[in-house]
Amino acid sequence: MLNHSRRAALLETARDMNRLGLNQGTSGNVSLRLDKGFLITPSALAYEQCRPADMVDLDMEGMVVQGQYKPSSEWRLHRDMYRSRPETGAVLHCHSPWCTTLACLEKEIPPFHYMVAVAGGNSIACADYALFGTAELSQKALAALSHGRRACLLAHHGLVCLGADLQEALALAVEVENLARCYGQALQIGTVPLLSDEEMAAVREKFTSYRPSS
C-alpha cells in the first residue's frame, strides 16, 4: 500500500508539472527517494496515460528493481543528486518556458529579487552545457548546486530543483519559473539593478526562521 501511495504521489506531481505550465508533453522528469533507491517517471510516456504502476523503481546503481518501462533518460542525474545530497528526498527536472529561455542564453538568475534566496544562494546558477543523460551533465549540475543551492538552470536545456519531498520540489520549481519570467521581462525594459551580497545574506538569514505558524 505504501509503495502504491508513493507511486501515485509521484505520478500526480508529474501531472502537476504539466498542469502548472512547467513542462510539455513527455519532456521533464521527477523522482522520489526510497530507502535503497528511488522511484522515477518512465521514459517517453505521456503522464496523462500513465498509471501509478508505471513508475520505475531503480536502485542506486541505476538497475530496475520493479517496472515494465524504461526509466527516464535522466535517471543518472537524479541518482547522482541523491548520492551527493543526502538531505534531498525528491528531484524535479523540467523544461519550463522562462527558465529554458534563460538557459538557452546561458544566463543565471542573479539577485534581482530577494526571493532568489529561496533556492539557497545569492543567485540561481546556470550549469555549463552537457549532453542529456550523461555523467558530465550530473557533474556540471552538481557544481551549479554547490554551497547548498537547491535549484539551477542547465544550459540549453532546462531547470533542476531539489526538495525534501515532492511538494517542496514542485513549489520551488514554480517559484524559480516565476523568477525567471520576471527577470526575463525586466531585461526587456532595461538594465536590472541587483541586490548586494550583504542584502541577500540578510534575506537568507531571515528565511532560516521563516516557517508557517502551527
Protein backbone atom coordinates (compact mmCIF):
# COMPACT_ATOMS: atom_id res chain seq x y z
CA MET A 1 0.00 0.00 0.00
CA LEU A 2 2.80 2.39 0.93
CA ASN A 3 4.61 1.71 -2.34
CA HIS A 4 1.41 2.34 -4.32
CA SER A 5 0.88 5.58 -2.42
CA ARG A 6 4.38 6.77 -3.29
CA ARG A 7 3.90 5.84 -6.95
CA ALA A 8 0.58 7.70 -7.06
CA ALA A 9 2.14 10.77 -5.45
CA LEU A 10 4.99 10.74 -7.96
CA LEU A 11 2.61 10.46 -10.91
CA GLU A 12 0.42 13.25 -9.55
CA THR A 13 3.45 15.52 -9.23
CA ALA A 14 4.45 14.75 -12.81
CA ARG A 15 0.96 15.65 -13.98
CA ASP A 16 1.07 18.82 -11.89
CA MET A 17 4.22 19.87 -13.75
CA ASN A 18 2.25 19.93 -16.99
CA ARG A 19 -0.86 21.41 -15.42
CA LEU A 20 1.15 24.30 -13.96
CA GLY A 21 2.89 25.03 -17.26
CA LEU A 22 6.30 23.82 -16.09
CA ASN A 23 6.50 21.06 -18.64
CA GLN A 24 5.15 19.94 -22.00
CA GLY A 25 4.36 16.51 -23.36
CA THR A 26 6.80 13.83 -22.27
CA SER A 27 9.72 16.15 -21.54
CA GLY A 28 10.97 16.57 -17.98
CA ASN A 29 11.02 14.01 -15.18
CA VAL A 30 10.58 13.73 -11.45
CA SER A 31 11.72 11.23 -8.81
CA LEU A 32 11.24 10.30 -5.17
CA ARG A 33 13.89 8.81 -2.88
CA LEU A 34 13.21 5.36 -1.38
CA ASP A 35 15.08 3.52 1.36
CA LYS A 36 17.50 1.80 -1.04
CA GLY A 37 16.92 3.62 -4.31
CA PHE A 38 14.34 5.86 -5.93
CA LEU A 39 11.15 5.96 -7.99
CA ILE A 40 11.29 7.86 -11.27
CA THR A 41 8.90 8.62 -14.11
CA PRO A 42 9.18 6.37 -17.17
CA SER A 43 10.76 7.35 -20.47
CA ALA A 44 8.66 8.70 -23.36
CA LEU A 45 5.24 8.08 -21.80
CA ALA A 46 2.68 10.88 -21.55
CA TYR A 47 1.87 11.40 -17.88
CA GLU A 48 -1.88 11.50 -18.53
CA GLN A 49 -1.63 7.99 -19.94
CA CYS A 50 0.44 6.61 -17.07
CA ARG A 51 -0.72 4.63 -14.05
CA PRO A 52 1.00 4.58 -10.67
CA ALA A 53 2.31 1.10 -11.50
CA ASP A 54 4.19 2.57 -14.48
CA MET A 55 6.59 4.49 -12.22
CA VAL A 56 10.01 2.83 -12.32
CA ASP A 57 11.80 1.63 -9.19
CA LEU A 58 15.61 1.90 -9.50
CA ASP A 59 18.43 1.01 -7.15
CA MET A 60 21.39 3.34 -6.65
CA GLU A 61 23.28 1.63 -9.46
CA GLY A 62 20.54 2.54 -11.92
CA MET A 63 19.24 -1.02 -12.22
CA VAL A 64 15.48 -1.55 -12.50
CA VAL A 65 14.06 -3.18 -9.38
CA GLN A 66 10.45 -3.00 -10.50
CA GLY A 67 8.71 -1.58 -13.54
CA GLN A 68 7.85 -2.64 -17.06
CA TYR A 69 9.09 0.53 -18.78
CA LYS A 70 12.49 2.12 -19.18
CA PRO A 71 13.24 4.85 -16.66
CA SER A 72 13.60 8.47 -17.74
CA SER A 73 16.74 9.09 -19.77
CA GLU A 74 17.78 11.49 -16.98
CA TRP A 75 17.82 8.77 -14.28
CA ARG A 76 21.56 9.31 -13.77
CA LEU A 77 21.05 12.99 -12.93
CA HIS A 78 18.50 12.05 -10.27
CA ARG A 79 20.66 9.23 -8.87
CA ASP A 80 23.70 11.49 -8.61
CA MET A 81 21.68 14.16 -6.80
CA TYR A 82 20.60 11.60 -4.20
CA ARG A 83 24.13 10.30 -3.79
CA SER A 84 25.64 13.75 -3.35
CA ARG A 85 22.85 15.49 -1.47
CA PRO A 86 21.60 13.22 1.36
CA GLU A 87 19.06 15.81 2.50
CA THR A 88 17.26 15.55 -0.84
CA GLY A 89 14.06 13.50 -0.92
CA ALA A 90 12.79 14.47 -4.39
CA VAL A 91 14.31 15.74 -7.64
CA LEU A 92 12.37 17.58 -10.34
CA HIS A 93 13.64 18.40 -13.82
CA CYS A 94 11.53 20.34 -16.30
CA HIS A 95 11.70 22.45 -19.44
CA SER A 96 9.67 25.37 -18.12
CA PRO A 97 9.49 28.19 -20.72
CA TRP A 98 11.22 31.09 -18.96
CA CYS A 99 13.88 29.01 -17.24
CA THR A 100 14.63 27.32 -20.54
CA THR A 101 14.79 30.70 -22.30
CA LEU A 102 17.44 31.94 -19.88
CA ALA A 103 19.23 28.58 -20.01
CA CYS A 104 19.44 28.79 -23.80
CA LEU A 105 21.08 32.21 -23.37
CA GLU A 106 23.43 30.66 -20.78
CA LYS A 107 22.22 33.23 -18.24
CA GLU A 108 21.93 32.71 -14.49
CA ILE A 109 19.17 34.29 -12.42
CA PRO A 110 21.05 36.96 -10.43
CA PRO A 111 19.87 38.61 -7.18
CA PHE A 112 17.43 40.98 -8.86
CA HIS A 113 14.70 39.96 -6.36
CA TYR A 114 15.06 38.79 -2.78
CA MET A 115 13.11 35.58 -3.48
CA VAL A 116 16.11 34.27 -5.44
CA ALA A 117 17.38 33.27 -1.99
CA VAL A 118 14.60 30.66 -1.70
CA ALA A 119 16.80 28.40 -3.86
CA GLY A 120 19.58 28.53 -1.27
CA GLY A 121 22.05 31.00 -2.74
CA ASN A 122 22.56 34.60 -3.83
CA SER A 123 21.84 33.56 -7.41
CA ILE A 124 20.46 30.62 -9.36
CA ALA A 125 23.39 29.43 -11.42
CA CYS A 126 23.33 28.11 -14.98
CA ALA A 127 25.35 24.91 -15.34
CA ASP A 128 27.54 24.57 -18.42
CA TYR A 129 26.08 22.55 -21.28
CA ALA A 130 26.43 18.77 -21.37
CA LEU A 131 24.55 16.09 -23.30
CA PHE A 132 21.37 14.91 -21.56
CA GLY A 133 21.58 11.66 -19.62
CA THR A 134 25.36 11.78 -19.16
CA ALA A 135 27.62 11.72 -16.13
CA GLU A 136 29.05 15.02 -17.38
CA LEU A 137 25.62 16.64 -17.04
CA SER A 138 25.37 15.42 -13.44
CA GLN A 139 28.82 16.78 -12.62
CA LYS A 140 28.06 20.20 -14.07
CA ALA A 141 24.66 20.37 -12.39
CA LEU A 142 26.17 19.45 -9.02
CA ALA A 143 28.78 22.20 -9.44
CA ALA A 144 25.99 24.72 -10.09
CA LEU A 145 24.20 23.42 -6.98
CA SER A 146 27.23 23.84 -4.70
CA HIS A 147 27.08 25.52 -1.28
CA GLY A 148 23.60 24.26 -0.51
CA ARG A 149 21.81 25.58 -3.58
CA ARG A 150 18.58 23.74 -4.36
CA ALA A 151 17.93 24.85 -7.95
CA CYS A 152 19.94 25.51 -11.08
CA LEU A 153 19.45 26.03 -14.78
CA LEU A 154 21.01 23.64 -17.29
CA ALA A 155 22.45 25.44 -20.32
CA HIS A 156 20.41 24.87 -23.49
CA HIS A 157 18.19 22.50 -21.55
CA GLY A 158 16.01 23.46 -18.56
CA LEU A 159 15.70 23.50 -14.77
CA VAL A 160 16.58 21.17 -11.87
CA CYS A 161 15.10 21.54 -8.37
CA LEU A 162 15.83 19.59 -5.20
CA GLY A 163 13.37 19.24 -2.33
CA ALA A 164 12.91 17.41 0.94
CA ASP A 165 9.79 15.93 -0.65
CA LEU A 166 7.76 16.13 -3.84
CA GLN A 167 5.68 19.05 -2.64
CA GLU A 168 8.74 21.13 -1.82
CA ALA A 169 10.48 20.35 -5.12
CA LEU A 170 7.37 21.29 -7.11
CA ALA A 171 6.80 24.51 -5.13
CA LEU A 172 10.42 25.52 -5.71
CA ALA A 173 10.13 24.88 -9.45
CA VAL A 174 7.04 27.11 -9.61
CA GLU A 175 8.87 29.88 -7.74
CA VAL A 176 12.01 29.66 -9.87
CA GLU A 177 9.99 29.74 -13.10
CA ASN A 178 8.21 32.87 -11.86
CA LEU A 179 11.56 34.47 -11.03
CA ALA A 180 12.88 33.58 -14.49
CA ARG A 181 9.81 35.17 -16.09
CA CYS A 182 10.13 38.37 -14.05
CA TYR A 183 13.86 38.62 -14.77
CA GLY A 184 13.34 37.99 -18.48
CA GLN A 185 10.67 40.69 -18.62
CA ALA A 186 12.84 43.13 -16.66
CA LEU A 187 15.69 42.60 -19.13
CA GLN A 188 13.39 43.71 -21.94
CA ILE A 189 12.87 47.07 -20.22
CA GLY A 190 16.48 47.89 -19.37
CA THR A 191 19.42 47.21 -17.08
CA VAL A 192 18.29 45.34 -13.98
CA PRO A 193 19.75 46.56 -10.66
CA LEU A 194 20.84 43.79 -8.30
CA LEU A 195 20.81 43.29 -4.55
CA SER A 196 24.22 43.13 -2.85
CA ASP A 197 25.74 40.04 -1.24
CA GLU A 198 25.08 41.61 2.15
CA GLU A 199 21.43 42.23 1.34
CA MET A 200 20.99 38.68 0.09
CA ALA A 201 22.75 37.26 3.15
CA ALA A 202 20.23 39.10 5.33
CA VAL A 203 17.36 37.58 3.35
CA ARG A 204 18.80 34.08 3.64
CA GLU A 205 19.23 34.51 7.38
CA LYS A 206 15.61 35.63 7.66
CA PHE A 207 14.47 32.64 5.63
CA THR A 208 16.05 30.24 8.14
CA SER A 209 13.43 31.24 10.72
CA TYR A 210 10.57 31.68 8.25
CA ARG A 211 8.13 28.86 8.85
CA PRO A 212 4.33 28.61 8.67
CA SER A 213 2.71 29.08 12.06
CA SER A 214 1.16 25.93 13.53
